[in-house]
Amino acid sequence: MRGRTQEKYDQVMVELLERIVEKGRCTGDELENVPGVIQESQRIINDLERNGLIELEQGTVKITERGRALLRTLDELCGKEEV
């Protein structure tokens, strides 16, 4: 990761670490309220949808056939069994 992507990653990590230091812990529910996590999650979802890997349908995320093909390819490259 370089440049802008690295900066975003660093920003999210700093927000998470600040939350952990403040409270001594960080639960999954608390993660949902960290602005950097929310923004980065939405960016990833938008990228996946724009590239045809997922479809958003009535609040549900569905993996497209293109997405499944990518997952199968990744599994093969990693030496895992088929999904």
PDB file of N, CA and C in Angstrom:
ATOM      1  N   MET A   1       0.852  -1.183   0.000  1.00  0.00           N
ATOM      2  CA  MET A   1       0.000   0.000   0.000  1.00  0.00           C
ATOM      3  C   MET A   1       0.889   1.234   0.000  1.00  0.00           C
ATOM      4  N   ARG A   2       0.534   2.176  -0.836  1.00  0.00           N
ATOM      5  CA  ARG A   2       1.312   3.399  -0.909  1.00  0.00           C
ATOM      6  C   ARG A   2       0.388   4.586  -1.034  1.00  0.00           C
ATOM      7  N   GLY A   3       0.954   5.748  -0.737  1.00  0.00           N
ATOM      8  CA  GLY A   3       0.257   6.996  -0.968  1.00  0.00           C
ATOM      9  C   GLY A   3      -1.037   7.128  -0.206  1.00  0.00           C
ATOM     10  N   ARG A   4      -2.073   7.476  -0.960  1.00  0.00           N
ATOM     11  CA  ARG A   4      -3.383   7.766  -0.377  1.00  0.00           C
ATOM     12  C   ARG A   4      -3.977   6.565   0.356  1.00  0.00           C
ATOM     13  N   THR A   5      -3.825   5.385  -0.212  1.00  0.00           N
ATOM     14  CA  THR A   5      -4.351   4.181   0.431  1.00  0.00           C
ATOM     15  C   THR A   5      -3.666   3.959   1.778  1.00  0.00           C
ATOM     16  N   GLN A   6      -2.359   4.137   1.815  1.00  0.00           N
ATOM     17  CA  GLN A   6      -1.619   3.971   3.068  1.00  0.00           C
ATOM     18  C   GLN A   6      -2.051   5.015   4.083  1.00  0.00           C
ATOM     19  N   GLU A   7      -2.277   6.244   3.639  1.00  0.00           N
ATOM     20  CA  GLU A   7      -2.721   7.304   4.547  1.00  0.00           C
ATOM     21  C   GLU A   7      -4.074   6.961   5.161  1.00  0.00           C
ATOM     22  N   LYS A   8      -5.002   6.458   4.349  1.00  0.00           N
ATOM     23  CA  LYS A   8      -6.328   6.063   4.851  1.00  0.00           C
ATOM     24  C   LYS A   8      -6.192   4.935   5.863  1.00  0.00           C
ATOM     25  N   TYR A   9      -5.370   3.950   5.531  1.00  0.00           N
ATOM     26  CA  TYR A   9      -5.141   2.817   6.423  1.00  0.00           C
ATOM     27  C   TYR A   9      -4.575   3.310   7.750  1.00  0.00           C
ATOM     28  N   ASP A  10      -3.583   4.194   7.670  1.00  0.00           N
ATOM     29  CA  ASP A  10      -2.975   4.740   8.883  1.00  0.00           C
ATOM     30  C   ASP A  10      -3.993   5.512   9.711  1.00  0.00           C
ATOM     31  N   GLN A  11      -4.846   6.281   9.053  1.00  0.00           N
ATOM     32  CA  GLN A  11      -5.866   7.068   9.754  1.00  0.00           C
ATOM     33  C   GLN A  11      -6.812   6.147  10.523  1.00  0.00           C
ATOM     34  N   VAL A  12      -7.267   5.092   9.890  1.00  0.00           N
ATOM     35  CA  VAL A  12      -8.171   4.142  10.543  1.00  0.00           C
ATOM     36  C   VAL A  12      -7.462   3.478  11.723  1.00  0.00           C
ATOM     37  N   MET A  13      -6.214   3.083  11.535  1.00  0.00           N
ATOM     38  CA  MET A  13      -5.467   2.441  12.618  1.00  0.00           C
ATOM     39  C   MET A  13      -5.296   3.384  13.806  1.00  0.00           C
ATOM     40  N   VAL A  14      -5.005   4.652  13.538  1.00  0.00           N
ATOM     41  CA  VAL A  14      -4.848   5.629  14.618  1.00  0.00           C
ATOM     42  C   VAL A  14      -6.157   5.778  15.383  1.00  0.00           C
ATOM     43  N   GLU A  15      -7.275   5.868  14.659  1.00  0.00           N
ATOM     44  CA  GLU A  15      -8.576   5.993  15.323  1.00  0.00           C
ATOM     45  C   GLU A  15      -8.870   4.781  16.196  1.00  0.00           C
ATOM     46  N   LEU A  16      -8.565   3.600  15.695  1.00  0.00           N
ATOM     47  CA  LEU A  16      -8.803   2.381  16.475  1.00  0.00           C
ATOM     48  C   LEU A  16      -7.912   2.344  17.716  1.00  0.00           C
ATOM     49  N   LEU A  17      -6.659   2.677  17.549  1.00  0.00           N
ATOM     50  CA  LEU A  17      -5.741   2.660  18.689  1.00  0.00           C
ATOM     51  C   LEU A  17      -6.130   3.699  19.733  1.00  0.00           C
ATOM     52  N   GLU A  18      -6.565   4.875  19.287  1.00  0.00           N
ATOM     53  CA  GLU A  18      -7.023   5.896  20.234  1.00  0.00           C
ATOM     54  C   GLU A  18      -8.217   5.386  21.030  1.00  0.00           C
ATOM     55  N   ARG A  19      -9.130   4.711  20.363  1.00  0.00           N
ATOM     56  CA  ARG A  19     -10.312   4.164  21.026  1.00  0.00           C
ATOM     57  C   ARG A  19      -9.898   3.117  22.066  1.00  0.00           C
ATOM     58  N   ILE A  20      -8.973   2.260  21.686  1.00  0.00           N
ATOM     59  CA  ILE A  20      -8.512   1.215  22.605  1.00  0.00           C
ATOM     60  C   ILE A  20      -7.808   1.831  23.811  1.00  0.00           C
ATOM     61  N   VAL A  21      -6.968   2.835  23.572  1.00  0.00           N
ATOM     62  CA  VAL A  21      -6.249   3.484  24.670  1.00  0.00           C
ATOM     63  C   VAL A  21      -7.221   4.198  25.607  1.00  0.00           C
ATOM     64  N   GLU A  22      -8.220   4.884  25.031  1.00  0.00           N
ATOM     65  CA  GLU A  22      -9.204   5.605  25.845  1.00  0.00           C
ATOM     66  C   GLU A  22      -9.978   4.669  26.758  1.00  0.00           C
ATOM     67  N   LYS A  23     -10.433   3.552  26.209  1.00  0.00           N
ATOM     68  CA  LYS A  23     -11.328   2.664  26.944  1.00  0.00           C
ATOM     69  C   LYS A  23     -10.644   1.407  27.466  1.00  0.00           C
ATOM     70  N   GLY A  24      -9.451   1.142  27.001  1.00  0.00           N
ATOM     71  CA  GLY A  24      -8.759  -0.075  27.403  1.00  0.00           C
ATOM     72  C   GLY A  24      -9.216  -1.293  26.625  1.00  0.00           C
ATOM     73  N   ARG A  25     -10.123  -1.095  25.710  1.00  0.00           N
ATOM     74  CA  ARG A  25     -10.644  -2.195  24.880  1.00  0.00           C
ATOM     75  C   ARG A  25     -11.399  -1.579  23.704  1.00  0.00           C
ATOM     76  N   CYS A  26     -11.838  -2.417  22.795  1.00  0.00           N
ATOM     77  CA  CYS A  26     -12.650  -1.944  21.670  1.00  0.00           C
ATOM     78  C   CYS A  26     -13.484  -3.120  21.169  1.00  0.00           C
ATOM     79  N   THR A  27     -14.786  -3.053  21.390  1.00  0.00           N
ATOM     80  CA  THR A  27     -15.674  -4.138  20.968  1.00  0.00           C
ATOM     81  C   THR A  27     -16.113  -3.933  19.522  1.00  0.00           C
ATOM     82  N   GLY A  28     -16.683  -4.964  18.943  1.00  0.00           N
ATOM     83  CA  GLY A  28     -17.208  -4.866  17.586  1.00  0.00           C
ATOM     84  C   GLY A  28     -18.257  -3.785  17.457  1.00  0.00           C
ATOM     85  N   ASP A  29     -19.121  -3.677  18.458  1.00  0.00           N
ATOM     86  CA  ASP A  29     -20.155  -2.639  18.425  1.00  0.00           C
ATOM     87  C   ASP A  29     -19.536  -1.247  18.426  1.00  0.00           C
ATOM     88  N   GLU A  30     -18.466  -1.081  19.190  1.00  0.00           N
ATOM     89  CA  GLU A  30     -17.797   0.217  19.237  1.00  0.00           C
ATOM     90  C   GLU A  30     -17.129   0.552  17.909  1.00  0.00           C
ATOM     91  N   LEU A  31     -16.643  -0.468  17.211  1.00  0.00           N
ATOM     92  CA  LEU A  31     -16.013  -0.231  15.912  1.00  0.00           C
ATOM     93  C   LEU A  31     -16.982   0.409  14.929  1.00  0.00           C
ATOM     94  N   GLU A  32     -18.252   0.065  15.057  1.00  0.00           N
ATOM     95  CA  GLU A  32     -19.256   0.611  14.147  1.00  0.00           C
ATOM     96  C   GLU A  32     -19.401   2.119  14.282  1.00  0.00           C
ATOM     97  N   ASN A  33     -18.891   2.689  15.371  1.00  0.00           N
ATOM     98  CA  ASN A  33     -19.018   4.122  15.602  1.00  0.00           C
ATOM     99  C   ASN A  33     -17.727   4.895  15.362  1.00  0.00           C
ATOM    100  N   VAL A  34     -16.672   4.232  14.911  1.00  0.00           N
ATOM    101  CA  VAL A  34     -15.414   4.916  14.612  1.00  0.00           C
ATOM    102  C   VAL A  34     -15.519   5.466  13.189  1.00  0.00           C
ATOM    103  N   PRO A  35     -15.482   6.803  13.026  1.00  0.00           N
ATOM    104  CA  PRO A  35     -15.674   7.412  11.706  1.00  0.00           C
ATOM    105  C   PRO A  35     -14.768   6.846  10.617  1.00  0.00           C
ATOM    106  N   GLY A  36     -13.496   6.628  10.908  1.00  0.00           N
ATOM    107  CA  GLY A  36     -12.582   6.101   9.901  1.00  0.00           C
ATOM    108  C   GLY A  36     -12.970   4.714   9.435  1.00  0.00           C
ATOM    109  N   VAL A  37     -13.438   3.889  10.360  1.00  0.00           N
ATOM    110  CA  VAL A  37     -13.871   2.531  10.018  1.00  0.00           C
ATOM    111  C   VAL A  37     -15.108   2.592   9.132  1.00  0.00           C
ATOM    112  N   ILE A  38     -16.029   3.464   9.488  1.00  0.00           N
ATOM    113  CA  ILE A  38     -17.258   3.621   8.706  1.00  0.00           C
ATOM    114  C   ILE A  38     -16.932   4.068   7.289  1.00  0.00           C
ATOM    115  N   GLN A  39     -16.099   5.093   7.161  1.00  0.00           N
ATOM    116  CA  GLN A  39     -15.750   5.629   5.840  1.00  0.00           C
ATOM    117  C   GLN A  39     -15.002   4.610   4.999  1.00  0.00           C
ATOM    118  N   GLU A  40     -14.030   3.940   5.590  1.00  0.00           N
ATOM    119  CA  GLU A  40     -13.243   2.964   4.839  1.00  0.00           C
ATOM    120  C   GLU A  40     -14.094   1.761   4.446  1.00  0.00           C
ATOM    121  N   SER A  41     -14.973   1.323   5.322  1.00  0.00           N
ATOM    122  CA  SER A  41     -15.877   0.211   5.000  1.00  0.00           C
ATOM    123  C   SER A  41     -16.781   0.574   3.833  1.00  0.00           C
ATOM    124  N   GLN A  42     -17.314   1.790   3.852  1.00  0.00           N
ATOM    125  CA  GLN A  42     -18.193   2.230   2.766  1.00  0.00           C
ATOM    126  C   GLN A  42     -17.423   2.330   1.453  1.00  0.00           C
ATOM    127  N   ARG A  43     -16.178   2.802   1.520  1.00  0.00           N
ATOM    128  CA  ARG A  43     -15.356   2.901   0.313  1.00  0.00           C
ATOM    129  C   ARG A  43     -15.114   1.510  -0.281  1.00  0.00           C
ATOM    130  N   ILE A  44     -14.823   0.547   0.571  1.00  0.00           N
ATOM    131  CA  ILE A  44     -14.580  -0.818   0.099  1.00  0.00           C
ATOM    132  C   ILE A  44     -15.842  -1.402  -0.528  1.00  0.00           C
ATOM    133  N   ILE A  45     -16.979  -1.219   0.119  1.00  0.00           N
ATOM    134  CA  ILE A  45     -18.250  -1.709  -0.425  1.00  0.00           C
ATOM    135  C   ILE A  45     -18.525  -1.066  -1.779  1.00  0.00           C
ATOM    136  N   ASN A  46     -18.317   0.239  -1.883  1.00  0.00           N
ATOM    137  CA  ASN A  46     -18.531   0.938  -3.153  1.00  0.00           C
ATOM    138  C   ASN A  46     -17.614   0.394  -4.243  1.00  0.00           C
ATOM    139  N   ASP A  47     -16.340   0.142  -3.904  1.00  0.00           N
ATOM    140  CA  ASP A  47     -15.393  -0.405  -4.877  1.00  0.00           C
ATOM    141  C   ASP A  47     -15.817  -1.800  -5.335  1.00  0.00           C
ATOM    142  N   LEU A  48     -16.226  -2.644  -4.396  1.00  0.00           N
ATOM    143  CA  LEU A  48     -16.666  -3.998  -4.751  1.00  0.00           C
ATOM    144  C   LEU A  48     -17.890  -3.960  -5.658  1.00  0.00           C
ATOM    145  N   GLU A  49     -18.822  -3.069  -5.349  1.00  0.00           N
ATOM    146  CA  GLU A  49     -20.031  -2.951  -6.166  1.00  0.00           C
ATOM    147  C   GLU A  49     -19.694  -2.388  -7.544  1.00  0.00           C
ATOM    148  N   ARG A  50     -18.869  -1.352  -7.593  1.00  0.00           N
ATOM    149  CA  ARG A  50     -18.500  -0.727  -8.865  1.00  0.00           C
ATOM    150  C   ARG A  50     -17.787  -1.725  -9.780  1.00  0.00           C
ATOM    151  N   ASN A  51     -17.023  -2.641  -9.200  1.00  0.00           N
ATOM    152  CA  ASN A  51     -16.295  -3.627  -9.994  1.00  0.00           C
ATOM    153  C   ASN A  51     -17.101  -4.895 -10.269  1.00  0.00           C
ATOM    154  N   GLY A  52     -18.363  -4.895  -9.862  1.00  0.00           N
ATOM    155  CA  GLY A  52     -19.244  -6.011 -10.175  1.00  0.00           C
ATOM    156  C   GLY A  52     -19.023  -7.257  -9.337  1.00  0.00           C
ATOM    157  N   LEU A  53     -18.369  -7.118  -8.191  1.00  0.00           N
ATOM    158  CA  LEU A  53     -18.107  -8.280  -7.347  1.00  0.00           C
ATOM    159  C   LEU A  53     -19.226  -8.545  -6.355  1.00  0.00           C
ATOM    160  N   ILE A  54     -19.986  -7.500  -6.027  1.00  0.00           N
ATOM    161  CA  ILE A  54     -21.151  -7.641  -5.151  1.00  0.00           C
ATOM    162  C   ILE A  54     -22.295  -6.813  -5.714  1.00  0.00           C
ATOM    163  N   GLU A  55     -23.492  -7.122  -5.251  1.00  0.00           N
ATOM    164  CA  GLU A  55     -24.684  -6.323  -5.550  1.00  0.00           C
ATOM    165  C   GLU A  55     -25.372  -6.030  -4.227  1.00  0.00           C
ATOM    166  N   LEU A  56     -25.857  -4.806  -4.088  1.00  0.00           N
ATOM    167  CA  LEU A  56     -26.615  -4.441  -2.892  1.00  0.00           C
ATOM    168  C   LEU A  56     -28.085  -4.506  -3.258  1.00  0.00           C
ATOM    169  N   GLU A  57     -28.834  -5.313  -2.514  1.00  0.00           N
ATOM    170  CA  GLU A  57     -30.239  -5.531  -2.819  1.00  0.00           C
ATOM    171  C   GLU A  57     -31.049  -5.481  -1.528  1.00  0.00           C
ATOM    172  N   GLN A  58     -31.842  -4.448  -1.358  1.00  0.00           N
ATOM    173  CA  GLN A  58     -32.699  -4.280  -0.176  1.00  0.00           C
ATOM    174  C   GLN A  58     -31.919  -4.452   1.128  1.00  0.00           C
ATOM    175  N   GLY A  59     -30.780  -3.771   1.219  1.00  0.00           N
ATOM    176  CA  GLY A  59     -29.986  -3.827   2.438  1.00  0.00           C
ATOM    177  C   GLY A  59     -29.171  -5.095   2.614  1.00  0.00           C
ATOM    178  N   THR A  60     -29.167  -5.955   1.602  1.00  0.00           N
ATOM    179  CA  THR A  60     -28.416  -7.206   1.659  1.00  0.00           C
ATOM    180  C   THR A  60     -27.300  -7.172   0.625  1.00  0.00           C
ATOM    181  N   VAL A  61     -26.143  -7.661   1.007  1.00  0.00           N
ATOM    182  CA  VAL A  61     -25.018  -7.746   0.076  1.00  0.00           C
ATOM    183  C   VAL A  61     -25.009  -9.147  -0.516  1.00  0.00           C
ATOM    184  N   LYS A  62     -25.010  -9.214  -1.851  1.00  0.00           N
ATOM    185  CA  LYS A  62     -24.967 -10.508  -2.532  1.00  0.00           C
ATOM    186  C   LYS A  62     -23.705 -10.573  -3.380  1.00  0.00           C
ATOM    187  N   ILE A  63     -22.986 -11.691  -3.288  1.00  0.00           N
ATOM    188  CA  ILE A  63     -21.792 -11.891  -4.099  1.00  0.00           C
ATOM    189  C   ILE A  63     -22.238 -12.301  -5.494  1.00  0.00           C
ATOM    190  N   THR A  64     -21.731 -11.608  -6.502  1.00  0.00           N
ATOM    191  CA  THR A  64     -22.085 -11.906  -7.887  1.00  0.00           C
ATOM    192  C   THR A  64     -21.284 -13.111  -8.375  1.00  0.00           C
ATOM    193  N   GLU A  65     -21.635 -13.602  -9.552  1.00  0.00           N
ATOM    194  CA  GLU A  65     -20.887 -14.712 -10.140  1.00  0.00           C
ATOM    195  C   GLU A  65     -19.441 -14.284 -10.391  1.00  0.00           C
ATOM    196  N   ARG A  66     -19.262 -13.049 -10.787  1.00  0.00           N
ATOM    197  CA  ARG A  66     -17.909 -12.517 -10.983  1.00  0.00           C
ATOM    198  C   ARG A  66     -17.137 -12.537  -9.652  1.00  0.00           C
ATOM    199  N   GLY A  67     -17.805 -12.180  -8.582  1.00  0.00           N
ATOM    200  CA  GLY A  67     -17.187 -12.217  -7.258  1.00  0.00           C
ATOM    201  C   GLY A  67     -16.828 -13.632  -6.844  1.00  0.00           C
ATOM    202  N   ARG A  68     -17.725 -14.579  -7.135  1.00  0.00           N
ATOM    203  CA  ARG A  68     -17.457 -15.982  -6.811  1.00  0.00           C
ATOM    204  C   ARG A  68     -16.255 -16.503  -7.608  1.00  0.00           C
ATOM    205  N   ALA A  69     -16.178 -16.103  -8.879  1.00  0.00           N
ATOM    206  CA  ALA A  69     -15.046 -16.527  -9.711  1.00  0.00           C
ATOM    207  C   ALA A  69     -13.737 -15.988  -9.138  1.00  0.00           C
ATOM    208  N   LEU A  70     -13.756 -14.757  -8.672  1.00  0.00           N
ATOM    209  CA  LEU A  70     -12.560 -14.178  -8.059  1.00  0.00           C
ATOM    210  C   LEU A  70     -12.178 -14.947  -6.794  1.00  0.00           C
ATOM    211  N   LEU A  71     -13.159 -15.276  -5.965  1.00  0.00           N
ATOM    212  CA  LEU A  71     -12.885 -16.039  -4.743  1.00  0.00           C
ATOM    213  C   LEU A  71     -12.303 -17.417  -5.065  1.00  0.00           C
ATOM    214  N   ARG A  72     -12.836 -18.067  -6.104  1.00  0.00           N
ATOM    215  CA  ARG A  72     -12.307 -19.380  -6.507  1.00  0.00           C
ATOM    216  C   ARG A  72     -10.850 -19.248  -6.953  1.00  0.00           C
ATOM    217  N   THR A  73     -10.575 -18.209  -7.740  1.00  0.00           N
ATOM    218  CA  THR A  73      -9.209 -17.979  -8.215  1.00  0.00           C
ATOM    219  C   THR A  73      -8.263 -17.722  -7.050  1.00  0.00           C
ATOM    220  N   LEU A  74      -8.695 -16.904  -6.108  1.00  0.00           N
ATOM    221  CA  LEU A  74      -7.863 -16.623  -4.933  1.00  0.00           C
ATOM    222  C   LEU A  74      -7.610 -17.886  -4.118  1.00  0.00           C
ATOM    223  N   ASP A  75      -8.635 -18.715  -3.970  1.00  0.00           N
ATOM    224  CA  ASP A  75      -8.478 -19.974  -3.241  1.00  0.00           C
ATOM    225  C   ASP A  75      -7.463 -20.879  -3.935  1.00  0.00           C
ATOM    226  N   GLU A  76      -7.526 -20.931  -5.277  1.00  0.00           N
ATOM    227  CA  GLU A  76      -6.582 -21.755  -6.029  1.00  0.00           C
ATOM    228  C   GLU A  76      -5.159 -21.234  -5.858  1.00  0.00           C
ATOM    229  N   LEU A  77      -5.004 -19.925  -5.911  1.00  0.00           N
ATOM    230  CA  LEU A  77      -3.678 -19.328  -5.758  1.00  0.00           C
ATOM    231  C   LEU A  77      -3.108 -19.557  -4.368  1.00  0.00           C
ATOM    232  N   CYS A  78      -3.990 -19.629  -3.393  1.00  0.00           N
ATOM    233  CA  CYS A  78      -3.555 -19.841  -2.002  1.00  0.00           C
ATOM    234  C   CYS A  78      -3.460 -21.320  -1.655  1.00  0.00           C
ATOM    235  N   GLY A  79      -3.824 -22.189  -2.604  1.00  0.00           N
ATOM    236  CA  GLY A  79      -3.729 -23.617  -2.367  1.00  0.00           C
ATOM    237  C   GLY A  79      -4.846 -24.188  -1.530  1.00  0.00           C
ATOM    238  N   LYS A  80      -5.986 -23.508  -1.486  1.00  0.00           N
ATOM    239  CA  LYS A  80      -7.116 -24.004  -0.702  1.00  0.00           C
ATOM    240  C   LYS A  80      -8.098 -24.715  -1.613  1.00  0.00           C
ATOM    241  N   GLU A  81      -9.014 -25.447  -0.982  1.00  0.00           N
ATOM    242  CA  GLU A  81     -10.044 -26.137  -1.747  1.00  0.00           C
ATOM    243  C   GLU A  81     -11.057 -25.146  -2.283  1.00  0.00           C
ATOM    244  N   GLU A  82     -11.834 -25.595  -3.257  1.00  0.00           N
ATOM    245  CA  GLU A  82     -12.823 -24.747  -3.904  1.00  0.00           C
ATOM    246  C   GLU A  82     -13.912 -24.304  -2.943  1.00  0.00           C
ATOM    247  N   VAL A  83     -14.410 -23.068  -3.164  1.00  0.00           N
ATOM    248  CA  VAL A  83     -15.490 -22.498  -2.338  1.00  0.00           C
ATOM    249  C   VAL A  83     -16.813 -23.038  -2.782  1.00  0.00           C
TER     250      VAL A  83
END
